[in-house]
Amino acid sequence: MRNKLINRFIGAIDDRDEYQQQEIYKELALSGMLLWYLTMLLMVVGLIVDTIHNKLSFLTPALFIINMVYAGIIMSRLRKKQLDDTDCASIEEYEEKKKRLKKSSTFGGVLWGLFMLIFMQYVFPYLSTGEIDVSWLKVLIWGIGGIFFGSMMYWFSKSKLQKHF
């Protein structure tokens, strides 16, 4: 069924050889990722437009649900086949990858915290009411949220490191 679906999608009449199938899979995977990012961008734009008009349209939650279901399906399929695990052949490689994970998780947590602070305390309140109300407590809350997000990213990513030494 997969081959029939792919053949119809690409407009082929007969089955493709193995090399062609792999190239088709690569192209479809790349286009699927790009379309996912595009729908995420459309969702943010929809949320901004909804905030300006002070109403929630059908499009924004629909895009959110579609994106989250798609991401959940892809992640569960990858985990089921253990395709998201990272193999480490030596203790040095394990420590180096752990160090890289710490750095990227810290960066991700800081970026998430700043993004949430800016959007939730500046952009959305300004677009909906025209007023901005930021206190140190809200900055602290989003800072703690960023620390929590970065820590969870690190913990989850570290659990995917497989020691083979």
Foldseek 3Di string as FASTA:
>chain_A
DVQVVLCVVVVHDDGDDPVVVVVSVVVVVVVVVVVLVVLVVVLVVQVLVCLLVVHHDPSNVVSVVVSVVVVVVVVVVCVVVLVLAAEDEDPVSLVVVLVVLLVVLLVQLVVQLVVCCCCVQPRSVCSNPVDGDDDVVSSVVSNVVSVVRSVVSSVVSNVRYDYPD
